[in-house]
Amino acid sequence: MMPTSQALQMAADEGLDLVEISTNGDITITKIMDFGKFKYEQKKRASEARKNQKTVEMKEVWVKPFIEENDLNIKMKKVFEFLGEGNKVKIAVMTRGSKKVLARGKDAVPELFAKIMEIVGDKGTLESKSKPDERTKSIIIAPAK
């Protein structure tokens, strides 16, 4: 059913538009409004929503399998800073080196990750681990909610 000419005339008299809101079978719901202003306000609301939206970034921290305690504490301060900002942190372990280091490092990397998660405690949660066959081992820590 089309809007009546009376409604169209009322909208024209006011300098506004007759906008169809919805159509359910034989019932048509219309509204008299300034359509340009409506579209402008919608655009402003969408822009404001995008502006207030927090994007989570992925920060990355590299460590070596046989890192000293003090060096690990310094790296963990940076991890806590990233988590405090609401970002996820990828902690990657460099497993490059001679065959001796790589052979020794097979047990060191899981132990290092366990130690890191113990230090992180309740400030973050383990989100994912790298696959066992990947050359670079890593874990992703998300901020605790």
N, C-alpha and C. Protein backbone atom coordinates (compact mmCIF):
# COMPACT_ATOMS: atom_id res chain seq x y z
N MET A 1 0.84 -1.16 0.00
CA MET A 1 0.00 0.00 0.00
C MET A 1 0.89 1.24 0.00
N MET A 2 0.65 2.15 -0.83
CA MET A 2 1.43 3.37 -0.97
C MET A 2 0.97 4.40 0.07
N PRO A 3 1.90 5.26 0.50
CA PRO A 3 1.50 6.31 1.43
C PRO A 3 0.48 7.24 0.78
N THR A 4 -0.38 7.76 1.58
CA THR A 4 -1.44 8.62 1.05
C THR A 4 -0.88 9.95 0.60
N SER A 5 -1.61 10.55 -0.32
CA SER A 5 -1.18 11.85 -0.82
C SER A 5 -1.27 12.90 0.28
N GLN A 6 -2.15 12.66 1.25
CA GLN A 6 -2.26 13.58 2.38
C GLN A 6 -0.96 13.61 3.18
N ALA A 7 -0.37 12.42 3.42
CA ALA A 7 0.90 12.34 4.16
C ALA A 7 2.02 12.99 3.36
N LEU A 8 2.03 12.77 2.06
CA LEU A 8 3.04 13.40 1.22
C LEU A 8 2.91 14.91 1.25
N GLN A 9 1.68 15.39 1.23
CA GLN A 9 1.43 16.84 1.26
C GLN A 9 1.87 17.44 2.59
N MET A 10 1.60 16.72 3.70
CA MET A 10 2.01 17.19 5.03
C MET A 10 3.53 17.31 5.11
N ALA A 11 4.23 16.30 4.60
CA ALA A 11 5.70 16.32 4.61
C ALA A 11 6.23 17.47 3.76
N ALA A 12 5.64 17.68 2.60
CA ALA A 12 6.07 18.76 1.70
C ALA A 12 5.82 20.12 2.33
N ASP A 13 4.69 20.28 3.04
CA ASP A 13 4.38 21.55 3.70
C ASP A 13 5.40 21.89 4.77
N GLU A 14 5.89 20.88 5.46
CA GLU A 14 6.86 21.08 6.54
C GLU A 14 8.30 21.17 6.00
N GLY A 15 8.49 20.88 4.73
CA GLY A 15 9.83 20.88 4.16
C GLY A 15 10.62 19.65 4.57
N LEU A 16 9.92 18.57 4.85
CA LEU A 16 10.55 17.32 5.30
C LEU A 16 10.28 16.21 4.29
N ASP A 17 10.79 15.03 4.60
CA ASP A 17 10.62 13.87 3.72
C ASP A 17 9.72 12.86 4.37
N LEU A 18 9.01 12.10 3.55
CA LEU A 18 8.20 10.99 4.03
C LEU A 18 9.03 9.72 3.81
N VAL A 19 9.44 9.08 4.91
CA VAL A 19 10.34 7.94 4.85
C VAL A 19 9.60 6.69 5.26
N GLU A 20 9.71 5.63 4.46
CA GLU A 20 9.09 4.36 4.76
C GLU A 20 9.97 3.61 5.76
N ILE A 21 9.42 3.31 6.91
CA ILE A 21 10.17 2.61 7.96
C ILE A 21 10.12 1.10 7.73
N SER A 22 8.94 0.54 7.57
CA SER A 22 8.81 -0.89 7.30
C SER A 22 7.49 -1.18 6.61
N THR A 23 7.45 -2.33 5.96
CA THR A 23 6.24 -2.77 5.29
C THR A 23 5.94 -4.19 5.74
N ASN A 24 4.79 -4.38 6.38
CA ASN A 24 4.35 -5.70 6.81
C ASN A 24 3.05 -6.03 6.09
N GLY A 25 3.16 -6.74 4.98
CA GLY A 25 1.95 -7.11 4.25
C GLY A 25 1.22 -5.89 3.72
N ASP A 26 0.04 -5.63 4.25
CA ASP A 26 -0.76 -4.51 3.76
C ASP A 26 -0.61 -3.25 4.64
N ILE A 27 0.24 -3.31 5.69
CA ILE A 27 0.46 -2.16 6.56
C ILE A 27 1.84 -1.56 6.26
N THR A 28 1.85 -0.27 5.93
CA THR A 28 3.10 0.43 5.67
C THR A 28 3.29 1.48 6.76
N ILE A 29 4.46 1.44 7.40
CA ILE A 29 4.76 2.41 8.45
C ILE A 29 5.69 3.46 7.86
N THR A 30 5.27 4.72 7.93
CA THR A 30 6.07 5.82 7.41
C THR A 30 6.29 6.85 8.51
N LYS A 31 7.31 7.67 8.28
CA LYS A 31 7.65 8.69 9.26
C LYS A 31 8.03 9.96 8.51
N ILE A 32 7.58 11.09 9.02
CA ILE A 32 7.93 12.38 8.43
C ILE A 32 9.19 12.87 9.15
N MET A 33 10.27 13.05 8.40
CA MET A 33 11.54 13.49 9.00
C MET A 33 12.41 14.15 7.94
N ASP A 34 13.47 14.80 8.42
CA ASP A 34 14.48 15.36 7.53
C ASP A 34 15.48 14.23 7.27
N PHE A 35 15.37 13.60 6.11
CA PHE A 35 16.16 12.41 5.82
C PHE A 35 17.66 12.72 5.75
N GLY A 36 18.02 13.87 5.22
CA GLY A 36 19.43 14.27 5.15
C GLY A 36 20.04 14.39 6.54
N LYS A 37 19.29 15.01 7.45
CA LYS A 37 19.76 15.15 8.83
C LYS A 37 19.87 13.78 9.50
N PHE A 38 18.91 12.89 9.23
CA PHE A 38 18.92 11.54 9.79
C PHE A 38 20.18 10.79 9.34
N LYS A 39 20.48 10.85 8.04
CA LYS A 39 21.67 10.16 7.51
C LYS A 39 22.95 10.74 8.11
N TYR A 40 22.99 12.07 8.27
CA TYR A 40 24.15 12.74 8.86
C TYR A 40 24.37 12.28 10.31
N GLU A 41 23.30 12.21 11.10
CA GLU A 41 23.41 11.78 12.48
C GLU A 41 23.84 10.33 12.58
N GLN A 42 23.34 9.49 11.67
CA GLN A 42 23.75 8.08 11.64
C GLN A 42 25.24 7.97 11.37
N LYS A 43 25.72 8.75 10.42
CA LYS A 43 27.14 8.74 10.07
C LYS A 43 27.99 9.21 11.25
N LYS A 44 27.55 10.24 11.96
CA LYS A 44 28.27 10.75 13.12
C LYS A 44 28.34 9.70 14.23
N ARG A 45 27.20 9.00 14.49
CA ARG A 45 27.18 7.96 15.52
C ARG A 45 28.13 6.82 15.16
N ALA A 46 28.15 6.42 13.90
CA ALA A 46 29.04 5.35 13.47
C ALA A 46 30.50 5.77 13.61
N SER A 47 30.79 7.02 13.27
CA SER A 47 32.16 7.55 13.41
C SER A 47 32.58 7.58 14.87
N GLU A 48 31.68 8.00 15.74
CA GLU A 48 31.98 8.06 17.18
C GLU A 48 32.20 6.66 17.74
N ALA A 49 31.42 5.69 17.28
CA ALA A 49 31.58 4.30 17.74
C ALA A 49 32.94 3.75 17.32
N ARG A 50 33.37 4.06 16.09
CA ARG A 50 34.68 3.62 15.63
C ARG A 50 35.80 4.28 16.42
N LYS A 51 35.61 5.54 16.77
CA LYS A 51 36.63 6.28 17.51
C LYS A 51 36.81 5.70 18.90
N ASN A 52 35.71 5.31 19.54
CA ASN A 52 35.77 4.78 20.90
C ASN A 52 36.13 3.31 20.96
N GLN A 53 36.22 2.66 19.81
CA GLN A 53 36.51 1.23 19.77
C GLN A 53 37.99 1.00 20.05
N LYS A 54 38.31 0.06 20.92
CA LYS A 54 39.68 -0.27 21.27
C LYS A 54 40.14 -1.42 20.40
N THR A 55 41.20 -1.19 19.63
CA THR A 55 41.76 -2.26 18.81
C THR A 55 42.88 -2.93 19.60
N VAL A 56 42.85 -4.23 19.63
CA VAL A 56 43.87 -4.99 20.34
C VAL A 56 45.01 -5.26 19.38
N GLU A 57 46.18 -4.86 19.79
CA GLU A 57 47.37 -5.08 18.96
C GLU A 57 48.12 -6.30 19.48
N MET A 58 48.94 -6.87 18.60
CA MET A 58 49.79 -7.97 18.98
C MET A 58 51.21 -7.42 19.11
N LYS A 59 51.74 -7.43 20.32
CA LYS A 59 53.11 -7.01 20.57
C LYS A 59 53.97 -8.26 20.64
N GLU A 60 55.24 -8.12 20.32
CA GLU A 60 56.11 -9.28 20.27
C GLU A 60 57.37 -9.04 21.09
N VAL A 61 57.75 -10.04 21.88
CA VAL A 61 58.97 -10.00 22.68
C VAL A 61 59.77 -11.25 22.35
N TRP A 62 61.04 -11.06 21.99
CA TRP A 62 61.92 -12.18 21.67
C TRP A 62 62.81 -12.48 22.86
N VAL A 63 62.98 -13.76 23.15
CA VAL A 63 63.90 -14.21 24.21
C VAL A 63 64.73 -15.36 23.67
N LYS A 64 65.84 -15.64 24.36
CA LYS A 64 66.68 -16.79 23.99
C LYS A 64 66.38 -17.92 24.98
N PRO A 65 66.61 -19.17 24.57
CA PRO A 65 66.26 -20.29 25.45
C PRO A 65 67.00 -20.29 26.78
N PHE A 66 68.22 -19.76 26.80
CA PHE A 66 69.02 -19.79 28.02
C PHE A 66 69.23 -18.38 28.54
N ILE A 67 68.14 -17.66 28.72
CA ILE A 67 68.18 -16.27 29.17
C ILE A 67 68.47 -16.22 30.67
N GLU A 68 69.24 -15.25 31.07
CA GLU A 68 69.57 -15.08 32.49
C GLU A 68 68.35 -14.52 33.24
N GLU A 69 68.34 -14.71 34.53
CA GLU A 69 67.20 -14.32 35.37
C GLU A 69 66.91 -12.81 35.27
N ASN A 70 67.95 -11.98 35.37
CA ASN A 70 67.75 -10.53 35.32
C ASN A 70 67.25 -10.09 33.95
N ASP A 71 67.80 -10.68 32.89
CA ASP A 71 67.35 -10.34 31.55
C ASP A 71 65.88 -10.72 31.35
N LEU A 72 65.50 -11.86 31.89
CA LEU A 72 64.11 -12.30 31.80
C LEU A 72 63.19 -11.34 32.56
N ASN A 73 63.64 -10.85 33.71
CA ASN A 73 62.82 -9.90 34.48
C ASN A 73 62.61 -8.60 33.70
N ILE A 74 63.64 -8.15 32.99
CA ILE A 74 63.53 -6.93 32.18
C ILE A 74 62.53 -7.16 31.05
N LYS A 75 62.61 -8.31 30.40
CA LYS A 75 61.66 -8.63 29.32
C LYS A 75 60.24 -8.73 29.87
N MET A 76 60.10 -9.28 31.06
CA MET A 76 58.77 -9.45 31.65
C MET A 76 58.16 -8.10 32.04
N LYS A 77 58.99 -7.12 32.41
CA LYS A 77 58.46 -5.77 32.67
C LYS A 77 57.80 -5.23 31.41
N LYS A 78 58.42 -5.45 30.26
CA LYS A 78 57.86 -4.99 28.99
C LYS A 78 56.56 -5.75 28.70
N VAL A 79 56.55 -7.05 28.97
CA VAL A 79 55.34 -7.85 28.75
C VAL A 79 54.20 -7.32 29.62
N PHE A 80 54.47 -7.01 30.89
CA PHE A 80 53.44 -6.48 31.78
C PHE A 80 52.95 -5.12 31.31
N GLU A 81 53.85 -4.32 30.75
CA GLU A 81 53.46 -3.01 30.21
C GLU A 81 52.49 -3.19 29.05
N PHE A 82 52.81 -4.12 28.14
CA PHE A 82 51.92 -4.38 27.00
C PHE A 82 50.57 -4.92 27.46
N LEU A 83 50.59 -5.86 28.42
CA LEU A 83 49.33 -6.42 28.93
C LEU A 83 48.50 -5.35 29.62
N GLY A 84 49.16 -4.44 30.33
CA GLY A 84 48.47 -3.35 31.02
C GLY A 84 47.77 -2.42 30.05
N GLU A 85 48.32 -2.27 28.83
CA GLU A 85 47.70 -1.43 27.80
C GLU A 85 46.55 -2.15 27.10
N GLY A 86 46.36 -3.44 27.43
CA GLY A 86 45.26 -4.20 26.83
C GLY A 86 45.65 -4.92 25.55
N ASN A 87 46.95 -5.04 25.27
CA ASN A 87 47.41 -5.70 24.06
C ASN A 87 47.79 -7.15 24.34
N LYS A 88 47.69 -7.97 23.31
CA LYS A 88 48.17 -9.34 23.41
C LYS A 88 49.68 -9.32 23.21
N VAL A 89 50.37 -10.31 23.79
CA VAL A 89 51.82 -10.38 23.69
C VAL A 89 52.22 -11.75 23.16
N LYS A 90 53.04 -11.73 22.12
CA LYS A 90 53.60 -12.96 21.58
C LYS A 90 55.04 -13.04 22.08
N ILE A 91 55.34 -14.10 22.82
CA ILE A 91 56.70 -14.31 23.31
C ILE A 91 57.30 -15.40 22.45
N ALA A 92 58.31 -15.02 21.67
CA ALA A 92 58.95 -15.95 20.74
C ALA A 92 60.35 -16.28 21.24
N VAL A 93 60.75 -17.52 21.05
CA VAL A 93 62.07 -17.98 21.48
C VAL A 93 62.92 -18.26 20.25
N MET A 94 64.11 -17.66 20.26
CA MET A 94 65.06 -17.88 19.17
C MET A 94 65.75 -19.22 19.41
N THR A 95 65.60 -20.16 18.51
CA THR A 95 66.25 -21.46 18.66
C THR A 95 67.33 -21.65 17.60
N ARG A 96 67.94 -20.55 17.18
CA ARG A 96 69.02 -20.66 16.21
C ARG A 96 70.31 -20.99 16.95
N GLY A 97 71.27 -21.54 16.25
CA GLY A 97 72.56 -21.80 16.86
C GLY A 97 73.10 -23.15 16.43
N SER A 98 74.14 -23.55 17.10
CA SER A 98 74.77 -24.82 16.75
C SER A 98 73.86 -25.98 17.14
N LYS A 99 74.23 -27.15 16.68
CA LYS A 99 73.42 -28.34 16.97
C LYS A 99 73.39 -28.64 18.47
N LYS A 100 74.48 -28.30 19.16
CA LYS A 100 74.53 -28.54 20.61
C LYS A 100 73.48 -27.69 21.33
N VAL A 101 73.40 -26.42 20.93
CA VAL A 101 72.44 -25.53 21.56
C VAL A 101 71.01 -25.98 21.26
N LEU A 102 70.78 -26.37 19.99
CA LEU A 102 69.45 -26.82 19.61
C LEU A 102 69.07 -28.10 20.34
N ALA A 103 70.01 -29.01 20.49
CA ALA A 103 69.73 -30.26 21.18
C ALA A 103 69.44 -29.98 22.66
N ARG A 104 70.23 -29.10 23.26
CA ARG A 104 70.02 -28.74 24.65
C ARG A 104 68.73 -27.94 24.82
N GLY A 105 68.34 -27.19 23.77
CA GLY A 105 67.20 -26.30 23.84
C GLY A 105 65.84 -26.98 23.76
N LYS A 106 65.80 -28.24 23.40
CA LYS A 106 64.51 -28.93 23.27
C LYS A 106 63.78 -28.96 24.61
N ASP A 107 64.51 -29.16 25.69
CA ASP A 107 63.88 -29.17 27.01
C ASP A 107 63.80 -27.77 27.59
N ALA A 108 64.69 -26.89 27.15
CA ALA A 108 64.76 -25.55 27.73
C ALA A 108 63.55 -24.70 27.36
N VAL A 109 63.05 -24.82 26.14
CA VAL A 109 61.96 -23.96 25.69
C VAL A 109 60.67 -24.21 26.47
N PRO A 110 60.21 -25.44 26.63
CA PRO A 110 59.00 -25.66 27.44
C PRO A 110 59.18 -25.21 28.89
N GLU A 111 60.39 -25.41 29.43
CA GLU A 111 60.65 -24.96 30.80
C GLU A 111 60.60 -23.44 30.89
N LEU A 112 61.14 -22.77 29.87
CA LEU A 112 61.12 -21.31 29.84
C LEU A 112 59.68 -20.80 29.76
N PHE A 113 58.86 -21.42 28.92
CA PHE A 113 57.46 -21.01 28.80
C PHE A 113 56.72 -21.23 30.12
N ALA A 114 57.00 -22.33 30.78
CA ALA A 114 56.36 -22.60 32.08
C ALA A 114 56.76 -21.54 33.09
N LYS A 115 58.04 -21.16 33.07
CA LYS A 115 58.53 -20.14 33.99
C LYS A 115 57.89 -18.78 33.69
N ILE A 116 57.75 -18.46 32.41
CA ILE A 116 57.12 -17.19 32.01
C ILE A 116 55.67 -17.16 32.46
N MET A 117 54.94 -18.25 32.26
CA MET A 117 53.54 -18.29 32.67
C MET A 117 53.40 -18.21 34.19
N GLU A 118 54.37 -18.75 34.90
CA GLU A 118 54.37 -18.65 36.37
C GLU A 118 54.57 -17.20 36.79
N ILE A 119 55.47 -16.48 36.10
CA ILE A 119 55.71 -15.07 36.40
C ILE A 119 54.48 -14.23 36.05
N VAL A 120 53.86 -14.51 34.90
CA VAL A 120 52.68 -13.75 34.47
C VAL A 120 51.54 -13.94 35.47
N GLY A 121 51.35 -15.15 35.94
CA GLY A 121 50.33 -15.42 36.95
C GLY A 121 48.94 -15.06 36.47
N ASP A 122 48.22 -14.26 37.26
CA ASP A 122 46.84 -13.91 36.93
C ASP A 122 46.74 -12.61 36.13
N LYS A 123 47.86 -12.04 35.72
CA LYS A 123 47.82 -10.81 34.91
C LYS A 123 47.53 -11.10 33.44
N GLY A 124 47.67 -12.35 33.04
CA GLY A 124 47.40 -12.73 31.66
C GLY A 124 47.03 -14.19 31.56
N THR A 125 46.46 -14.55 30.43
CA THR A 125 46.08 -15.94 30.20
C THR A 125 46.73 -16.44 28.92
N LEU A 126 47.11 -17.70 28.93
CA LEU A 126 47.71 -18.32 27.75
C LEU A 126 46.64 -18.52 26.70
N GLU A 127 46.85 -17.92 25.54
CA GLU A 127 45.85 -18.02 24.47
C GLU A 127 46.20 -19.13 23.48
N SER A 128 47.47 -19.22 23.10
CA SER A 128 47.86 -20.28 22.18
C SER A 128 49.36 -20.53 22.23
N LYS A 129 49.73 -21.70 21.77
CA LYS A 129 51.14 -22.10 21.67
C LYS A 129 51.45 -22.40 20.21
N SER A 130 52.73 -22.31 19.87
CA SER A 130 53.12 -22.66 18.51
C SER A 130 53.08 -24.17 18.35
N LYS A 131 53.05 -24.60 17.11
CA LYS A 131 53.04 -26.03 16.83
C LYS A 131 54.41 -26.62 17.16
N PRO A 132 54.46 -27.89 17.56
CA PRO A 132 55.74 -28.49 17.94
C PRO A 132 56.77 -28.55 16.80
N ASP A 133 56.29 -28.61 15.55
CA ASP A 133 57.23 -28.75 14.44
C ASP A 133 57.73 -27.42 13.88
N GLU A 134 57.28 -26.30 14.44
CA GLU A 134 57.74 -25.00 13.95
C GLU A 134 59.14 -24.71 14.47
N ARG A 135 59.91 -23.99 13.66
CA ARG A 135 61.27 -23.69 14.05
C ARG A 135 61.31 -22.67 15.19
N THR A 136 60.49 -21.63 15.07
CA THR A 136 60.41 -20.62 16.12
C THR A 136 59.27 -20.98 17.05
N LYS A 137 59.59 -21.22 18.30
CA LYS A 137 58.58 -21.55 19.31
C LYS A 137 58.04 -20.26 19.89
N SER A 138 56.73 -20.23 20.12
CA SER A 138 56.13 -19.01 20.68
C SER A 138 54.87 -19.34 21.44
N ILE A 139 54.50 -18.40 22.32
CA ILE A 139 53.23 -18.46 23.02
C ILE A 139 52.59 -17.08 22.91
N ILE A 140 51.26 -17.05 22.95
CA ILE A 140 50.53 -15.79 22.92
C ILE A 140 49.78 -15.65 24.23
N ILE A 141 50.01 -14.51 24.89
CA ILE A 141 49.39 -14.24 26.18
C ILE A 141 48.41 -13.09 25.99
N ALA A 142 47.17 -13.29 26.41
CA ALA A 142 46.15 -12.25 26.34
C ALA A 142 46.00 -11.63 27.73
N PRO A 143 45.65 -10.34 27.81
CA PRO A 143 45.45 -9.73 29.12
C PRO A 143 44.29 -10.38 29.87
N ALA A 144 44.44 -10.49 31.18
CA ALA A 144 43.38 -11.07 32.00
C ALA A 144 42.21 -10.10 32.04
N LYS A 145 41.01 -10.64 32.09
CA LYS A 145 39.81 -9.78 32.09
C LYS A 145 39.29 -9.56 33.47
